[in-house]
Structure formats: structure tokens, C-alpha cells
Protein backbone atom coordinates (compact mmCIF):
# COMPACT_ATOMS: atom_id res chain seq x y z
CA MET A 1 59.52 34.85 57.28
CA ASP A 2 63.27 35.01 57.78
CA THR A 3 65.10 38.02 59.18
CA LEU A 4 66.69 39.08 55.88
CA THR A 5 63.39 39.08 54.00
CA HIS A 6 61.63 41.08 56.70
CA GLY A 7 64.36 43.72 56.57
CA LEU A 8 64.27 43.93 52.77
CA PHE A 9 60.50 44.33 52.81
CA GLY A 10 60.97 47.10 55.38
CA LEU A 11 63.40 48.84 53.04
CA ALA A 12 60.80 48.60 50.27
CA VAL A 13 58.11 50.13 52.50
CA GLY A 14 60.47 53.02 53.26
CA ALA A 15 61.11 53.50 49.55
CA MET A 16 57.38 53.92 48.95
CA ARG A 17 57.60 57.44 50.39
CA ARG A 18 58.56 60.10 47.88
CA PRO A 19 61.87 61.57 49.14
CA ASP A 20 62.20 65.21 50.15
CA MET A 21 65.35 65.41 48.02
CA ARG A 22 65.31 64.26 44.41
CA PRO A 23 68.23 62.24 43.03
CA GLY A 24 71.09 64.52 42.08
CA GLU A 25 69.94 67.39 44.30
CA GLY A 26 72.28 66.54 47.12
CA ARG A 27 72.33 64.38 50.20
CA ALA A 28 69.05 62.84 51.41
CA SER A 29 67.23 64.82 54.06
CA PRO A 30 67.25 63.65 57.70
CA THR A 31 63.60 62.65 57.32
CA ASP A 32 64.35 60.59 54.20
CA ARG A 33 67.10 58.69 56.01
CA ALA A 34 65.09 58.30 59.20
CA VAL A 35 62.13 56.83 57.32
CA LEU A 36 64.31 54.17 55.67
CA LEU A 37 66.06 53.34 58.93
CA SER A 38 62.87 53.18 60.98
CA CYS A 39 61.13 50.98 58.40
CA VAL A 40 63.95 48.43 58.50
CA ILE A 41 63.99 48.47 62.32
CA ALA A 42 60.19 48.17 62.48
CA ALA A 43 60.31 45.20 60.13
CA GLU A 44 62.74 43.37 62.44
CA LEU A 45 61.61 44.34 65.95
CA PRO A 46 58.68 41.91 66.41
CA ASP A 47 60.97 38.87 66.27
CA LEU A 48 62.83 39.98 69.37
CA ASP A 49 60.03 38.22 71.25
CA TYR A 50 61.92 34.99 70.69
CA PHE A 51 64.23 36.11 73.49
CA TRP A 52 61.42 36.61 76.00
CA PRO A 53 61.49 34.27 79.02
CA ALA A 54 59.56 31.01 78.66
CA GLY A 55 59.16 27.86 80.70
CA ASP A 56 60.75 25.58 78.10
CA ALA A 57 61.88 25.46 74.47
CA VAL A 58 58.44 24.50 73.16
CA LEU A 59 56.68 27.35 74.96
CA ARG A 60 59.34 29.76 73.71
CA THR A 61 58.80 28.63 70.13
CA LEU A 62 55.01 28.48 70.23
CA ARG A 63 53.94 30.91 72.97
CA ALA A 64 56.55 33.62 73.39
CA HIS A 65 57.36 33.89 69.67
CA ARG A 66 54.68 35.43 67.47
CA GLY A 67 52.89 36.67 70.56
CA PRO A 68 51.83 40.25 71.41
CA SER A 69 54.60 41.83 69.32
CA HIS A 70 52.99 40.18 66.28
CA ALA A 71 49.47 41.44 67.06
CA LEU A 72 47.80 44.22 65.09
CA LEU A 73 46.80 45.98 68.29
CA PHE A 74 50.44 46.38 69.34
CA ALA A 75 51.77 47.43 65.91
CA PRO A 76 51.64 51.16 66.82
CA VAL A 77 53.74 50.45 69.93
CA VAL A 78 56.38 48.51 67.97
CA ALA A 79 56.39 51.28 65.36
CA ALA A 80 56.86 53.95 68.03
CA VAL A 81 59.99 52.20 69.30
CA ALA A 82 61.42 51.91 65.78
CA ALA A 83 60.60 55.52 64.93
CA GLY A 84 62.06 56.74 68.21
CA VAL A 85 65.34 54.92 67.61
CA ALA A 86 65.65 56.30 64.08
CA TRP A 87 64.72 59.81 65.24
CA LEU A 88 67.43 59.71 67.91
CA VAL A 89 70.04 58.30 65.50
CA LEU A 90 69.36 61.26 63.21
CA ARG A 91 69.82 63.55 66.23
CA ARG A 92 66.17 64.60 66.27
CA ARG A 93 66.48 66.49 62.98
CA ALA A 94 63.88 64.35 61.17
CA ARG A 95 60.15 65.08 61.16
CA PHE A 96 58.69 62.49 63.50
CA GLY A 97 55.25 62.29 61.82
CA PRO A 98 56.35 60.69 58.52
CA VAL A 99 58.88 58.51 60.33
CA TYR A 100 56.22 57.11 62.65
CA ALA A 101 53.56 56.69 59.95
CA PHE A 102 55.85 54.64 57.73
CA SER A 103 57.05 52.63 60.72
CA VAL A 104 53.46 51.54 61.38
CA LEU A 105 53.12 50.62 57.71
CA SER A 106 56.35 48.65 57.86
CA VAL A 107 55.29 46.61 60.89
CA ALA A 108 52.09 45.66 59.06
CA LEU A 109 53.38 45.10 55.52
CA ALA A 110 56.97 44.01 56.11
CA HIS A 111 56.48 41.78 59.14
CA LEU A 112 52.92 40.85 60.08
CA LEU A 113 51.70 40.19 56.53
CA PRO A 114 54.70 38.04 55.44
CA ASP A 115 54.40 36.01 58.64
CA LEU A 116 50.68 35.58 57.98
CA TRP A 117 51.23 34.15 54.51
CA THR A 118 53.63 31.44 55.77
CA GLY A 119 52.39 28.17 57.23
CA TRP A 120 53.60 28.55 60.82
CA GLY A 121 50.72 30.69 62.00
CA THR A 122 50.70 34.03 63.79
CA ARG A 123 48.37 35.42 66.46
CA LEU A 124 47.37 38.70 64.85
CA LEU A 125 44.23 39.17 66.94
CA LEU A 126 45.75 39.05 70.43
CA PRO A 127 44.52 39.77 73.07
CA PHE A 128 40.99 39.24 71.72
CA SER A 129 41.72 35.86 70.15
CA ASP A 130 44.52 33.33 70.61
CA ALA A 131 43.88 31.77 67.19
CA ARG A 132 46.86 31.17 64.92
CA LEU A 133 46.10 32.64 61.51
CA THR A 134 47.88 31.47 58.39
CA LEU A 135 47.44 31.65 54.63
CA ASP A 136 49.95 28.95 53.56
CA TRP A 137 51.17 30.81 50.48
CA THR A 138 54.92 30.38 50.98
CA GLY A 139 57.34 28.69 53.33
CA VAL A 140 59.09 30.57 56.11
CA LEU A 141 62.14 30.51 53.83
CA ASP A 142 61.43 31.16 50.16
CA PRO A 143 64.38 32.28 48.00
CA LEU A 144 62.03 33.42 45.24
CA VAL A 145 60.55 36.01 47.60
CA THR A 146 63.91 37.12 48.95
CA LEU A 147 65.95 37.19 45.74
CA PRO A 148 64.09 40.01 43.90
CA LEU A 149 64.17 42.13 47.04
CA ALA A 150 67.89 41.51 47.53
CA LEU A 151 68.70 42.25 43.88
CA GLY A 152 66.71 45.47 44.08
CA ALA A 153 68.65 46.53 47.17
CA LEU A 154 71.96 45.64 45.51
CA VAL A 155 71.16 47.66 42.39
CA ALA A 156 70.04 50.56 44.59
CA TRP A 157 73.37 50.47 46.42
CA ARG A 158 75.35 50.41 43.16
CA ARG A 159 73.24 52.97 41.29
CA ARG A 160 72.36 55.57 43.88
CA ALA A 161 70.65 57.88 41.40
CA ARG A 162 67.92 55.26 40.83
CA TRP A 163 67.88 53.62 44.24
CA ARG A 164 64.17 54.06 44.84
CA ARG A 165 63.08 52.62 41.52
CA ALA A 166 65.37 49.60 41.94
CA ILE A 167 63.98 48.76 45.38
CA LEU A 168 60.36 49.18 44.31
CA VAL A 169 60.83 47.06 41.18
CA GLY A 170 62.32 44.29 43.31
CA ALA A 171 59.35 44.52 45.69
CA ALA A 172 56.90 44.43 42.78
CA VAL A 173 58.51 41.25 41.41
CA ALA A 174 58.36 39.62 44.86
CA ALA A 175 54.70 40.63 45.21
CA ALA A 176 53.90 39.22 41.77
CA TYR A 177 55.49 35.92 42.76
CA VAL A 178 53.37 35.77 45.93
CA GLY A 179 50.31 36.53 43.81
CA GLY A 180 51.20 33.57 41.62
CA ARG A 181 51.42 31.39 44.72
CA ILE A 182 47.91 32.45 45.74
CA ALA A 183 46.49 31.45 42.36
CA THR A 184 48.41 28.16 42.39
CA GLN A 185 47.06 27.31 45.83
CA GLN A 186 43.46 27.70 44.69
CA VAL A 187 43.99 25.50 41.62
CA LEU A 188 45.66 22.75 43.64
CA VAL A 189 43.06 22.75 46.43
CA ALA A 190 40.38 22.10 43.81
CA ARG A 191 42.46 19.32 42.28
CA VAL A 192 43.00 17.56 45.63
CA ALA A 193 39.31 17.93 46.54
CA ALA A 194 38.34 16.24 43.27
CA ALA A 195 40.71 13.35 44.01
CA HIS A 196 39.36 12.93 47.57
CA PRO A 197 35.59 13.49 47.31
CA GLY A 198 34.95 11.87 50.69
CA ALA A 199 37.41 14.05 52.60
CA GLN A 200 36.12 16.28 55.37
CA ARG A 201 38.72 18.89 54.51
CA VAL A 202 41.60 19.38 52.08
CA ALA A 203 44.53 21.78 52.25
CA VAL A 204 47.77 22.34 50.36
CA PHE A 205 51.06 23.67 51.69
CA PRO A 206 54.36 24.84 50.19
CA ALA A 207 56.86 22.01 49.72
CA MET A 208 60.56 22.26 50.52
CA LEU A 209 62.43 23.65 47.48
CA GLY A 210 59.24 23.35 45.45
CA VAL A 211 57.92 25.98 43.05
CA THR A 212 55.17 24.02 41.31
CA THR A 213 55.05 21.07 43.75
CA TRP A 214 53.02 21.41 46.95
CA ARG A 215 52.20 19.06 49.82
CA PHE A 216 48.59 18.20 50.54
CA ILE A 217 46.54 16.78 53.39
CA ALA A 218 43.06 15.32 52.92
CA THR A 219 41.29 14.77 56.24
CA HIS A 220 39.24 11.58 56.36
CA GLU A 221 37.19 10.27 59.27
CA ASP A 222 39.98 8.32 60.98
CA ALA A 223 43.14 9.23 59.10
CA TYR A 224 44.96 11.83 57.04
CA ALA A 225 45.89 11.21 53.42
CA ALA A 226 49.26 12.90 52.86
CA GLY A 227 50.97 13.42 49.54
CA THR A 228 52.08 15.86 46.88
CA VAL A 229 50.42 17.62 43.99
CA ASP A 230 52.15 19.39 41.11
CA LEU A 231 50.73 22.32 39.18
CA LEU A 232 52.33 20.95 35.99
CA GLY A 233 51.47 17.32 36.70
CA GLY A 234 48.31 15.27 36.76
CA ALA A 235 46.37 13.86 39.68
CA PRO A 236 47.64 14.28 43.26
CA THR A 237 49.93 11.52 44.51
CA GLU A 238 48.89 10.04 47.84
CA GLU A 239 52.04 8.87 49.62
CA ARG A 240 50.73 7.70 52.97
CA ARG A 241 47.69 7.42 55.22
CA VAL A 242 48.40 8.39 58.80
CA ALA A 243 46.16 7.68 61.80
CA ARG A 244 45.33 10.79 63.78
CA ALA A 245 46.13 9.21 67.16
CA PRO A 246 48.21 6.04 66.61
CA SER A 247 48.47 5.32 70.35
CA GLY A 248 44.95 6.39 71.27
CA PRO A 249 43.52 9.63 72.66
CA VAL A 250 45.80 11.70 74.87
CA PRO A 251 44.79 11.40 78.55
CA ALA A 252 43.09 14.54 79.82
CA ARG A 253 45.68 15.12 82.55
CA VAL A 254 48.44 15.04 79.93
CA ALA A 255 46.58 17.26 77.45
CA ALA A 256 46.09 19.82 80.24
CA VAL A 257 49.86 20.34 80.67
CA PRO A 258 50.50 23.87 79.27
CA THR A 259 53.34 22.78 76.98
CA VAL A 260 51.29 19.91 75.51
CA ARG A 261 48.22 22.12 75.23
CA GLU A 262 50.21 24.70 73.27
CA ALA A 263 51.60 22.07 70.89
CA LEU A 264 48.13 20.63 70.30
CA ALA A 265 46.73 24.10 69.60
CA TRP A 266 49.51 24.79 67.09
CA ALA A 267 49.06 21.54 65.11
CA ARG A 268 46.31 21.82 62.51
CA PHE A 269 46.74 18.23 61.29
CA PRO A 270 48.07 16.61 64.45
CA VAL A 271 49.54 13.15 64.70
CA VAL A 272 49.83 12.55 68.44
CA ARG A 273 51.61 9.68 70.14
CA HIS A 274 52.10 9.10 73.84
CA ALA A 275 53.91 6.38 75.74
CA PRO A 276 54.95 5.63 79.33
CA ALA A 277 58.41 6.87 80.29
CA GLY A 278 60.90 4.96 82.41
CA ASP A 279 60.40 7.18 85.47
CA GLY A 280 56.65 6.59 85.61
CA GLY A 281 55.90 9.69 83.59
CA THR A 282 54.71 10.12 80.02
CA THR A 283 56.34 11.14 76.76
CA VAL A 284 54.09 12.94 74.28
CA ARG A 285 55.02 13.50 70.63
CA VAL A 286 52.99 16.03 68.65
CA ALA A 287 53.64 16.23 64.91
CA ASP A 288 51.82 18.27 62.28
CA LEU A 289 51.45 16.81 58.79
CA ARG A 290 51.66 20.27 57.29
CA TYR A 291 55.35 19.46 57.49
CA HIS A 292 55.79 16.06 55.88
CA LEU A 293 58.14 14.44 53.40
CA ARG A 294 56.50 11.60 51.48
CA GLY A 295 53.95 11.27 54.22
CA ASP A 296 56.43 11.14 57.10
CA PRO A 297 56.30 14.08 59.55
CA THR A 298 59.47 16.17 59.51
CA LEU A 299 58.66 18.37 62.49
CA GLU A 300 57.66 17.11 65.92
CA PHE A 301 57.39 18.53 69.43
CA ILE A 302 58.43 16.06 72.15
CA VAL A 303 57.43 16.66 75.77
CA ASP A 304 58.56 14.53 78.72
CA ILE A 305 56.18 14.78 81.67
CA ALA A 306 56.88 13.62 85.23
CA PRO A 307 54.24 11.71 87.24
CA ASP A 308 53.30 14.94 89.03
CA GLY A 309 52.60 16.70 85.71
CA ALA A 310 55.79 18.78 85.61
CA VAL A 311 57.59 19.08 82.28
CA THR A 312 61.08 17.62 82.65
CA ARG A 313 62.13 18.20 79.05
CA ALA A 314 60.58 19.72 75.93
CA ARG A 315 62.18 19.94 72.51
CA LEU A 316 61.62 20.28 68.79
CA GLU A 317 62.83 17.64 66.34
CA ARG A 318 62.94 18.38 62.63
CA GLY A 319 63.31 14.84 61.32
CA GLY A 320 67.08 15.05 61.05
CA SER A 321 69.71 17.58 60.09
CA ALA A 322 69.28 19.88 57.10
CA ARG A 323 71.61 17.62 55.12
CA GLU A 324 69.66 14.49 56.08
CA LEU A 325 66.37 16.11 55.08
CA LEU A 326 67.87 17.20 51.77
CA ASP A 327 69.12 13.66 51.12
CA ARG A 328 65.64 12.28 51.85
CA TRP A 329 64.09 14.86 49.55
CA ARG A 330 66.42 13.86 46.69
CA ARG A 331 65.51 10.16 46.84
């Protein structure tokens, strides 16, 4: 999820610990403050992997980001860094045990779990498995997850005597909303499956600015049926059928290029096009229909490959600017 939401979830994890000092008894203890600080840091640290070196923009987005720092095996290491920073900030007066324990909890509950329930995919099982796991409950940005957490933090800041209750109530509301998304997903999957009895697979995904409206993909033998389905509406609306490989299968030598291979591994419902480039090379476009607007892909990785197999340029296109996408959504 986004940086703000991760940090607010981290604050909520820190608030789960009963403070050493009760409200009104004086200033919070060093351990109380260190736990809150370390939980926020632990919730943010994994995303620093986006700054790790990578061969090109696509590899940075798909390979470096959500890599080892997002794996369960490395959570204790990330937590140790966060706890160590907080312990030093508090001049080593805090008890390290509680600080570290809640830092581990924060990495898991405030970062890894929220990333898992978005649609992008995260490699939790590294180094044992490179699989991208995802639950598709919310988008990477979801104001209805963030808002209760932010309001809880704001009330906690204004009413210090009840800060812990305010933060935990905000977290409970956010968790209840996510629970509602889980139930909605199951209902809509069944509805799409009933509308596409011949489909090999059906899946639903959060739609942009949609609470009750979701996108769906029904996988047929030679094409994807893409559309929308509304919890409050009737039957799913199929908006477009998209061939899986409009320009034919990707040549093996092209598919073996690391950047292309990574894009193909990321796309669960890939629409792949390739065409000769002017310099004798090849341009490959890998879209994923998880991200579509009325059946048109809104997110696409484009890789330019030289005749010798070297990547000359790799980039991500989102189907236009945020304003253009919003205008398309309104139509």
C-alpha cells in the first residue's frame, strides 16, 4: 500500500501494547515512545528497496521492489534495524525486548500483510519461492483504508488522554472495511463464474474509485473477457474480449531477456504484443488486464530490445496521466 497507510498501520501496531504509564500519570516512558517510533519505522523500511540498484526501470519496479525486504524470512532483520534506530534515538533508555518484538509485529501486520492484500503481488516466500502472492482485496491506494487510520491518529494528537483508544478504534474501522472487501470479493467471484460457465478461471479486482464496483477477468480458451461487476447491480457487464497474444507467441529469445521474463512473470492475465523495431531489434509490450478500464489495459511494460538481446530502453506506461485516466473513467 502507500507510504502513509503503512505508517499509520505501524502506529496502530505500536498502540496495541499497553503503555507503562497510564494517561494522566505523567510523560510516556522511554519504552512506550520507542515502541511507537520503532513500529512506524518498521512499517516503512521495506519500501526502501525501491532505491536498490537495478538494470532498468522495469527491473527496479518488478525485481528490486518487493524483494527480500518484503519476505517473511527477513522480517526479523528489518525489525532489528527499526528497533535499533528507535533505541538509539531514545538514548538507549528503552527496554529493547518489547521494542524489537513489536517491530517484528509491525513489519508483518503494517507492511507485509497490507501489501499482500493489494493486487500488485509481493514475494513473501523468498528465497524459497519467487512467486508473487496477492489477495486482491483493495487497491494500492484506498482512501477508505487510510481515512479511519488518519482520523484516529488526528484524534489521538488532539486528545492525548485517549490517544491509544482513538488509534485502535481507527484501526478497527479500517480492518472492518477490509473484512467487507473480502466478503464482497467472494460474492462477486461467484456471480462472474455463473455468467461465464465455460471460463477456465474467473477473478475480480478492485476498480479505481470503486467501493461496490469491481473489475473482472474471465479466462477463456483463446481470449480474456474483461468487464465490471457491481455488488448492488445485476449481472456482470462484459466490456471487451481481448486476445491473449494479439501478435502471436513471443519468440523464445525475446522471452528469455531478463526484463521481459520478469514482466511476463508479473502479469497474471497477460496481453503481450511484439513488433520489429527500426534498428532491427524488437519492441515487446506486456500488459496485465488486472488493470483495465472498460476492457482497455491501463498499465503496460514496454521493453525495447537490440538485435543482440540487450535492453536499450524499458519503461512503464499507465495509459495516460492521472487526469486523463480520470476523464476516461468519468465517461
